[in-house]
C-alpha atoms as a PDB file:
ATOM      1  CA  MET A   1     114.246 110.630  87.936  1.00  0.00           C
ATOM      2  CA  LYS A   2     111.063 112.604  87.436  1.00  0.00           C
ATOM      3  CA  ASN A   3     108.495 110.809  85.918  1.00  0.00           C
ATOM      4  CA  PHE A   4     105.161 111.661  85.236  1.00  0.00           C
ATOM      5  CA  ALA A   5     101.699 110.647  83.684  1.00  0.00           C
ATOM      6  CA  ARG A   6     101.477 112.731  80.706  1.00  0.00           C
ATOM      7  CA  MET A   7      97.782 112.738  78.558  1.00  0.00           C
ATOM      8  CA  ILE A   8      97.729 114.028  75.105  1.00  0.00           C
ATOM      9  CA  PHE A   9      94.614 114.142  73.081  1.00  0.00           C
ATOM     10  CA  LEU A  10      93.848 112.439  69.237  1.00  0.00           C
ATOM     11  CA  LEU A  11      90.719 113.556  67.102  1.00  0.00           C
ATOM     12  CA  GLY A  12      89.618 114.705  70.967  1.00  0.00           C
ATOM     13  CA  VAL A  13      90.215 111.264  72.256  1.00  0.00           C
ATOM     14  CA  PRO A  14      92.161 111.172  75.542  1.00  0.00           C
ATOM     15  CA  ILE A  15      94.913 108.804  75.308  1.00  0.00           C
ATOM     16  CA  MET A  16      97.421 107.962  78.413  1.00  0.00           C
ATOM     17  CA  LEU A  17     100.976 107.372  77.536  1.00  0.00           C
ATOM     18  CA  ASN A  18     102.914 104.665  79.527  1.00  0.00           C
ATOM     19  CA  VAL A  19     105.262 106.452  81.836  1.00  0.00           C
ATOM     20  CA  ASN A  20     106.896 104.582  85.077  1.00  0.00           C
ATOM     21  CA  ILE A  21     106.055 107.076  88.077  1.00  0.00           C
ATOM     22  CA  SER A  22     108.721 107.095  90.780  1.00  0.00           C
ATOM     23  CA  ALA A  23     108.461 107.553  94.564  1.00  0.00           C
ATOM     24  CA  LYS A  24     111.635 108.873  96.206  1.00  0.00           C
ATOM     25  CA  GLY A  25     111.566 108.103  99.890  1.00  0.00           C
ATOM     26  CA  GLU A  26     114.392 108.007 102.532  1.00  0.00           C
ATOM     27  CA  LYS A  27     117.498 105.997 100.913  1.00  0.00           C
ATOM     28  CA  MET A  28     115.141 104.523  98.461  1.00  0.00           C
ATOM     29  CA  GLU A  29     113.516 104.975  94.825  1.00  0.00           C
ATOM     30  CA  MET A  30     110.751 102.523  93.804  1.00  0.00           C
ATOM     31  CA  ASN A  31     108.607 102.276  90.577  1.00  0.00           C
ATOM     32  CA  PHE A  32     105.102 101.427  89.761  1.00  0.00           C
ATOM     33  CA  ILE A  33     104.948  99.756  86.356  1.00  0.00           C
ATOM     34  CA  PRO A  34     101.421  98.749  84.959  1.00  0.00           C
ATOM     35  CA  VAL A  35     101.567  95.052  83.193  1.00  0.00           C
ATOM     36  CA  SER A  36      97.719  95.282  82.199  1.00  0.00           C
ATOM     37  CA  HIS A  37      94.117  95.611  83.919  1.00  0.00           C
ATOM     38  CA  ALA A  38      94.820  93.955  87.392  1.00  0.00           C
ATOM     39  CA  SER A  39      98.872  92.820  86.916  1.00  0.00           C
ATOM     40  CA  PHE A  40     101.388  95.937  88.037  1.00  0.00           C
ATOM     41  CA  VAL A  41     105.178  95.370  89.667  1.00  0.00           C
ATOM     42  CA  ILE A  42     106.511  97.633  92.147  1.00  0.00           C
ATOM     43  CA  ALA A  43     109.881  97.929  91.656  1.00  0.00           C
ATOM     44  CA  ALA A  44     112.192  99.016  94.919  1.00  0.00           C
ATOM     45  CA  ASP A  45     115.592  99.822  95.359  1.00  0.00           C
ATOM     46  CA  SER A  46     115.344  96.400  98.015  1.00  0.00           C
ATOM     47  CA  VAL A  47     113.166  94.593  96.469  1.00  0.00           C
ATOM     48  CA  THR A  48     110.728  93.264  93.129  1.00  0.00           C
ATOM     49  CA  ILE A  49     106.798  92.242  93.742  1.00  0.00           C
ATOM     50  CA  TYR A  50     104.933  91.395  90.911  1.00  0.00           C
ATOM     51  CA  VAL A  51     101.189  91.491  91.695  1.00  0.00           C
ATOM     52  CA  ASP A  52      98.159  89.440  89.909  1.00  0.00           C
ATOM     53  CA  PRO A  53     100.380  88.490  86.876  1.00  0.00           C
ATOM     54  CA  THR A  54      98.945  87.271  83.933  1.00  0.00           C
ATOM     55  CA  GLY A  55      99.145  87.181  80.140  1.00  0.00           C
ATOM     56  CA  ASP A  56     102.347  86.305  78.227  1.00  0.00           C
ATOM     57  CA  ALA A  57     105.780  86.030  80.571  1.00  0.00           C
ATOM     58  CA  SER A  58     107.305  88.339  77.029  1.00  0.00           C
ATOM     59  CA  SER A  59     104.624  91.200  79.357  1.00  0.00           C
ATOM     60  CA  TYR A  60     107.818  90.311  81.907  1.00  0.00           C
ATOM     61  CA  ALA A  61     110.975  90.538  80.036  1.00  0.00           C
ATOM     62  CA  LYS A  62     112.730  93.631  80.871  1.00  0.00           C
ATOM     63  CA  ILE A  63     111.208  93.358  84.135  1.00  0.00           C
ATOM     64  CA  LYS A  64     113.251  92.287  87.134  1.00  0.00           C
ATOM     65  CA  ALA A  65     112.335  89.017  88.708  1.00  0.00           C
ATOM     66  CA  PRO A  66     110.192  89.029  91.580  1.00  0.00           C
ATOM     67  CA  ASP A  67     111.165  88.673  95.076  1.00  0.00           C
ATOM     68  CA  ILE A  68     107.547  88.050  96.078  1.00  0.00           C
ATOM     69  CA  ILE A  69     104.554  87.623  93.782  1.00  0.00           C
ATOM     70  CA  LEU A  70     101.078  88.460  95.414  1.00  0.00           C
ATOM     71  CA  VAL A  71      98.469  87.115  94.528  1.00  0.00           C
ATOM     72  CA  THR A  72      94.747  88.814  95.609  1.00  0.00           C
ATOM     73  CA  HIS A  73      92.220  85.264  94.424  1.00  0.00           C
ATOM     74  CA  ALA A  74      91.930  83.445  91.563  1.00  0.00           C
ATOM     75  CA  HIS A  75      89.716  85.051  88.889  1.00  0.00           C
ATOM     76  CA  PHE A  76      91.300  84.111  85.389  1.00  0.00           C
ATOM     77  CA  ASP A  77      92.569  88.107  85.418  1.00  0.00           C
ATOM     78  CA  HIS A  78      94.295  87.991  88.824  1.00  0.00           C
ATOM     79  CA  PHE A  79      96.060  84.662  88.487  1.00  0.00           C
ATOM     80  CA  ASP A  80      97.357  82.045  85.966  1.00  0.00           C
ATOM     81  CA  LYS A  81      98.915  79.423  87.707  1.00  0.00           C
ATOM     82  CA  GLY A  82     101.372  78.471  84.407  1.00  0.00           C
ATOM     83  CA  LEU A  83     102.416  82.416  84.038  1.00  0.00           C
ATOM     84  CA  ILE A  84     103.655  81.821  87.770  1.00  0.00           C
ATOM     85  CA  ALA A  85     105.539  78.496  87.255  1.00  0.00           C
ATOM     86  CA  LYS A  86     107.427  80.851  84.675  1.00  0.00           C
ATOM     87  CA  LEU A  87     108.207  83.829  86.426  1.00  0.00           C
ATOM     88  CA  LYS A  88     109.230  82.273  89.818  1.00  0.00           C
ATOM     89  CA  GLN A  89     112.797  82.003  90.713  1.00  0.00           C
ATOM     90  CA  PRO A  90     114.250  79.890  92.996  1.00  0.00           C
ATOM     91  CA  LYS A  91     113.988  82.001  96.165  1.00  0.00           C
ATOM     92  CA  THR A  92     110.613  83.612  95.229  1.00  0.00           C
ATOM     93  CA  VAL A  93     107.819  84.139  97.348  1.00  0.00           C
ATOM     94  CA  ILE A  94     104.329  83.289  96.496  1.00  0.00           C
ATOM     95  CA  ILE A  95     101.253  85.058  98.685  1.00  0.00           C
ATOM     96  CA  GLY A  96      98.022  84.494  98.377  1.00  0.00           C
ATOM     97  CA  PRO A  97      94.704  83.221  99.820  1.00  0.00           C
ATOM     98  CA  LYS A  98      93.871  79.408 100.426  1.00  0.00           C
ATOM     99  CA  GLU A  99      91.960  79.570  96.954  1.00  0.00           C
ATOM    100  CA  VAL A 100      95.450  80.881  95.479  1.00  0.00           C
ATOM    101  CA  ILE A 101      97.925  78.543  97.197  1.00  0.00           C
ATOM    102  CA  GLY A 102      96.008  75.427  97.176  1.00  0.00           C
ATOM    103  CA  PRO A 103      95.766  75.321  93.681  1.00  0.00           C
ATOM    104  CA  LEU A 104      99.756  76.071  93.515  1.00  0.00           C
ATOM    105  CA  SER A 105     100.411  73.368  95.855  1.00  0.00           C
ATOM    106  CA  TYR A 106     103.056  75.482  97.116  1.00  0.00           C
ATOM    107  CA  GLY A 107     103.407  78.992  98.027  1.00  0.00           C
ATOM    108  CA  GLU A 108     102.637  81.174 101.880  1.00  0.00           C
ATOM    109  CA  LEU A 109      98.959  81.609 102.800  1.00  0.00           C
ATOM    110  CA  LEU A 110      97.873  84.624 103.892  1.00  0.00           C
ATOM    111  CA  ASN A 111      93.957  85.133 104.729  1.00  0.00           C
ATOM    112  CA  ASN A 112      92.146  88.462 106.022  1.00  0.00           C
ATOM    113  CA  GLY A 113      93.895  90.049 108.524  1.00  0.00           C
ATOM    114  CA  ASP A 114      97.162  88.512 108.791  1.00  0.00           C
ATOM    115  CA  LYS A 115     100.550  90.050 108.414  1.00  0.00           C
ATOM    116  CA  LYS A 116     104.117  88.995 107.465  1.00  0.00           C
ATOM    117  CA  THR A 117     107.289  91.042 107.057  1.00  0.00           C
ATOM    118  CA  LEU A 118     110.129  88.706 104.219  1.00  0.00           C
ATOM    119  CA  GLY A 119     113.360  90.948 104.155  1.00  0.00           C
ATOM    120  CA  GLY A 120     112.003  94.433 105.455  1.00  0.00           C
ATOM    121  CA  VAL A 121     109.022  94.489 103.835  1.00  0.00           C
ATOM    122  CA  GLY A 122     105.743  94.140 105.357  1.00  0.00           C
ATOM    123  CA  ILE A 123     102.321  92.655 103.551  1.00  0.00           C
ATOM    124  CA  GLU A 124      99.059  92.646 105.698  1.00  0.00           C
ATOM    125  CA  ALA A 125      95.974  91.248 103.650  1.00  0.00           C
ATOM    126  CA  ILE A 126      93.389  93.046 104.045  1.00  0.00           C
ATOM    127  CA  PRO A 127      89.584  92.011 102.932  1.00  0.00           C
ATOM    128  CA  ALA A 128      88.211  92.542  99.576  1.00  0.00           C
ATOM    129  CA  HIS A 129      84.757  91.133  98.672  1.00  0.00           C
ATOM    130  CA  ASN A 130      81.429  92.540  97.821  1.00  0.00           C
ATOM    131  CA  THR A 131      78.767  94.568  99.878  1.00  0.00           C
ATOM    132  CA  THR A 132      75.774  94.859  97.484  1.00  0.00           C
ATOM    133  CA  PRO A 133      73.059  92.490  96.805  1.00  0.00           C
ATOM    134  CA  GLY A 134      73.125  91.406  92.713  1.00  0.00           C
ATOM    135  CA  ARG A 135      76.956  91.504  93.241  1.00  0.00           C
ATOM    136  CA  LEU A 136      77.948  89.313  96.150  1.00  0.00           C
ATOM    137  CA  GLN A 137      78.247  86.057  94.509  1.00  0.00           C
ATOM    138  CA  ASN A 138      81.144  87.763  92.655  1.00  0.00           C
ATOM    139  CA  HIS A 139      83.744  88.401  95.287  1.00  0.00           C
ATOM    140  CA  PRO A 140      82.579  86.548  98.510  1.00  0.00           C
ATOM    141  CA  LYS A 141      83.806  87.874 102.006  1.00  0.00           C
ATOM    142  CA  GLY A 142      86.460  86.252 103.440  1.00  0.00           C
ATOM    143  CA  VAL A 143      87.555  84.517  99.903  1.00  0.00           C
ATOM    144  CA  GLY A 144      90.034  87.512  98.105  1.00  0.00           C
ATOM    145  CA  ASN A 145      92.917  89.812 100.158  1.00  0.00           C
ATOM    146  CA  GLY A 146      93.798  93.180  99.155  1.00  0.00           C
ATOM    147  CA  TYR A 147      97.296  94.097 100.613  1.00  0.00           C
ATOM    148  CA  VAL A 148      98.807  97.092 102.375  1.00  0.00           C
ATOM    149  CA  VAL A 149     102.793  96.822 101.781  1.00  0.00           C
ATOM    150  CA  THR A 150     105.029  98.376 103.394  1.00  0.00           C
ATOM    151  CA  ILE A 151     108.524  99.187 101.713  1.00  0.00           C
ATOM    152  CA  GLY A 152     110.834 101.454 103.720  1.00  0.00           C
ATOM    153  CA  ASN A 153     108.221 103.997 105.134  1.00  0.00           C
ATOM    154  CA  GLU A 154     106.043 104.101 101.686  1.00  0.00           C
ATOM    155  CA  ARG A 155     103.000 102.155 102.679  1.00  0.00           C
ATOM    156  CA  ILE A 156     100.717 101.078  99.202  1.00  0.00           C
ATOM    157  CA  TYR A 157      97.697  99.627  98.988  1.00  0.00           C
ATOM    158  CA  ILE A 158      96.475  97.200  96.550  1.00  0.00           C
ATOM    159  CA  SER A 159      92.419  96.629  96.626  1.00  0.00           C
ATOM    160  CA  GLY A 160      92.283  93.298  94.704  1.00  0.00           C
ATOM    161  CA  ASP A 161      88.452  92.982  93.656  1.00  0.00           C
ATOM    162  CA  THR A 162      86.022  94.949  96.221  1.00  0.00           C
ATOM    163  CA  GLU A 163      83.819  97.335  97.105  1.00  0.00           C
ATOM    164  CA  ASP A 164      84.226 100.598  99.438  1.00  0.00           C
ATOM    165  CA  ILE A 165      84.013  97.857 102.899  1.00  0.00           C
ATOM    166  CA  PRO A 166      84.931  98.981 106.303  1.00  0.00           C
ATOM    167  CA  GLU A 167      88.393  97.856 106.147  1.00  0.00           C
ATOM    168  CA  MET A 168      89.235 100.101 103.204  1.00  0.00           C
ATOM    169  CA  ARG A 169      87.512 103.173 104.276  1.00  0.00           C
ATOM    170  CA  ASN A 170      88.959 102.755 108.143  1.00  0.00           C
ATOM    171  CA  LEU A 171      92.765 102.289 106.644  1.00  0.00           C
ATOM    172  CA  LYS A 172      95.286 104.710 107.296  1.00  0.00           C
ATOM    173  CA  ASN A 173      98.842 106.196 106.310  1.00  0.00           C
ATOM    174  CA  ILE A 174      98.409 105.122 102.565  1.00  0.00           C
ATOM    175  CA  ASP A 175     101.416 106.760 100.758  1.00  0.00           C
ATOM    176  CA  TYR A 176      99.872 104.774  97.361  1.00  0.00           C
ATOM    177  CA  ALA A 177      96.617 103.710  96.518  1.00  0.00           C
ATOM    178  CA  PHE A 178      95.618 101.238  93.394  1.00  0.00           C
ATOM    179  CA  VAL A 179      91.940 100.920  93.110  1.00  0.00           C
ATOM    180  CA  CYS A 180      89.417  99.243  91.615  1.00  0.00           C
ATOM    181  CA  MET A 181      86.288  99.848  89.809  1.00  0.00           C
ATOM    182  CA  ASN A 182      84.349  98.524  87.021  1.00  0.00           C
ATOM    183  CA  LEU A 183      80.747  96.587  87.439  1.00  0.00           C
ATOM    184  CA  PRO A 184      79.086  94.708  88.271  1.00  0.00           C
ATOM    185  CA  PHE A 185      82.445  92.893  89.016  1.00  0.00           C
ATOM    186  CA  THR A 186      83.876  95.367  91.969  1.00  0.00           C
ATOM    187  CA  MET A 187      82.556  99.157  92.524  1.00  0.00           C
ATOM    188  CA  SER A 188      80.873 102.170  91.020  1.00  0.00           C
ATOM    189  CA  VAL A 189      83.371 104.971  90.257  1.00  0.00           C
ATOM    190  CA  GLU A 190      81.494 106.825  92.848  1.00  0.00           C
ATOM    191  CA  GLN A 191      81.846 104.023  95.569  1.00  0.00           C
ATOM    192  CA  ALA A 192      85.881 104.705  94.442  1.00  0.00           C
ATOM    193  CA  ALA A 193      86.205 107.923  94.864  1.00  0.00           C
ATOM    194  CA  SER A 194      84.134 108.216  98.413  1.00  0.00           C
ATOM    195  CA  ALA A 195      85.998 105.512  99.575  1.00  0.00           C
ATOM    196  CA  VAL A 196      89.082 107.560  98.431  1.00  0.00           C
ATOM    197  CA  LEU A 197      88.202 111.198 100.294  1.00  0.00           C
ATOM    198  CA  GLU A 198      88.045 109.054 103.029  1.00  0.00           C
ATOM    199  CA  PHE A 199      90.775 107.304 103.803  1.00  0.00           C
ATOM    200  CA  LYS A 200      93.159 110.035 101.817  1.00  0.00           C
ATOM    201  CA  PRO A 201      95.822 108.306  99.958  1.00  0.00           C
ATOM    202  CA  LYS A 202      98.435 110.778  99.259  1.00  0.00           C
ATOM    203  CA  VAL A 203      98.663 109.061  95.167  1.00  0.00           C
ATOM    204  CA  VAL A 204      95.935 106.884  93.823  1.00  0.00           C
ATOM    205  CA  PHE A 205      95.920 105.115  90.590  1.00  0.00           C
ATOM    206  CA  PRO A 206      92.408 103.905  89.483  1.00  0.00           C
ATOM    207  CA  TYR A 207      93.380 100.385  88.010  1.00  0.00           C
ATOM    208  CA  HIS A 208      90.903  97.129  87.465  1.00  0.00           C
ATOM    209  CA  TYR A 209      88.864  99.384  85.753  1.00  0.00           C
ATOM    210  CA  ARG A 210      87.741  97.838  82.404  1.00  0.00           C
ATOM    211  CA  GLN A 211      83.953  96.933  82.162  1.00  0.00           C
ATOM    212  CA  GLY A 212      81.893  94.554  80.128  1.00  0.00           C
ATOM    213  CA  ASN A 213      80.719  97.489  77.772  1.00  0.00           C
ATOM    214  CA  GLY A 214      83.858  99.253  77.850  1.00  0.00           C
ATOM    215  CA  PHE A 215      85.695 101.564  80.561  1.00  0.00           C
ATOM    216  CA  SER A 216      84.691 103.392  84.108  1.00  0.00           C
ATOM    217  CA  ASP A 217      84.976 106.729  83.482  1.00  0.00           C
ATOM    218  CA  ILE A 218      88.253 107.445  85.198  1.00  0.00           C
ATOM    219  CA  ASN A 219      88.447 110.980  84.435  1.00  0.00           C
ATOM    220  CA  LYS A 220      84.791 111.030  86.301  1.00  0.00           C
ATOM    221  CA  PHE A 221      86.616 109.467  89.447  1.00  0.00           C
ATOM    222  CA  LYS A 222      89.789 111.690  89.034  1.00  0.00           C
ATOM    223  CA  GLN A 223      87.358 114.676  89.417  1.00  0.00           C
ATOM    224  CA  LEU A 224      85.565 113.395  92.012  1.00  0.00           C
ATOM    225  CA  ALA A 225      88.475 112.501  93.881  1.00  0.00           C
ATOM    226  CA  SER A 226      90.359 115.839  93.606  1.00  0.00           C
ATOM    227  CA  GLN A 227      87.955 117.151  95.630  1.00  0.00           C
ATOM    228  CA  ASP A 228      90.372 117.009  98.625  1.00  0.00           C
ATOM    229  CA  LYS A 229      93.421 119.069  97.150  1.00  0.00           C
ATOM    230  CA  ASN A 230      96.115 116.728  99.373  1.00  0.00           C
ATOM    231  CA  ILE A 231      94.558 113.807  96.815  1.00  0.00           C
ATOM    232  CA  GLU A 232      96.202 113.223  93.758  1.00  0.00           C
ATOM    233  CA  VAL A 233      95.078 110.694  90.924  1.00  0.00           C
ATOM    234  CA  ARG A 234      97.507 109.673  88.784  1.00  0.00           C
ATOM    235  CA  PHE A 235      96.892 108.070  85.587  1.00  0.00           C
ATOM    236  CA  LEU A 236      98.921 104.772  84.296  1.00  0.00           C
ATOM    237  CA  LYS A 237      98.680 102.553  80.960  1.00  0.00           C
ATOM    238  CA  TRP A 238      96.527  99.568  81.704  1.00  0.00           C
ATOM    239  CA  TYR A 239      94.855  98.707  78.591  1.00  0.00           C
ATOM    240  CA  LYS A 240      96.151  98.644  74.664  1.00  0.00           C
END
């Protein structure tokens, strides 16, 4: 299946159309389905993973029920206790840090550096936090997670809310990366691009880029990250 992100221009304003991205590996097809802001779905042949589901359950009505729900941290735009209760099935495994699993009173705890394998799917919790003075209170060190998810031969990095920390910059062999960029909560476009140029994912999706005064300049991010011709930047439609 050949899908791609497409951009059109209406009255000079770029409009990104929502087209699912498919990645074909060995005997596997995988789709990335954007829902909103930080919420998306990884839909592979063998597993369906909801990442930071928020909003209305109707947004997920046409998507296969989750085998795994990953939650990065407890901020409202990443964690919705009531929605998770509606979406989860008897066999759904919910994974998150202490500040998520505690309020839920169910699920499996994964802290920074922990690893877990579920039905052949590898999940590693990567640190996610702020480092710049004045932002440290937004996402303190050791509280939230990013994740590296391994499905078959494909490695997917989910940044969660973070700045360009060493653990991000030191990632290896990442096929797909979802990288946040919004000030003052996470990092700037320049920080995000600098990190991406260092850990060199094959494909990177800007996400979580809504700011209080609008949106981060993802076209500038693409321009900066594309200095490395081996990195492909793709846009998905996260916002209406």
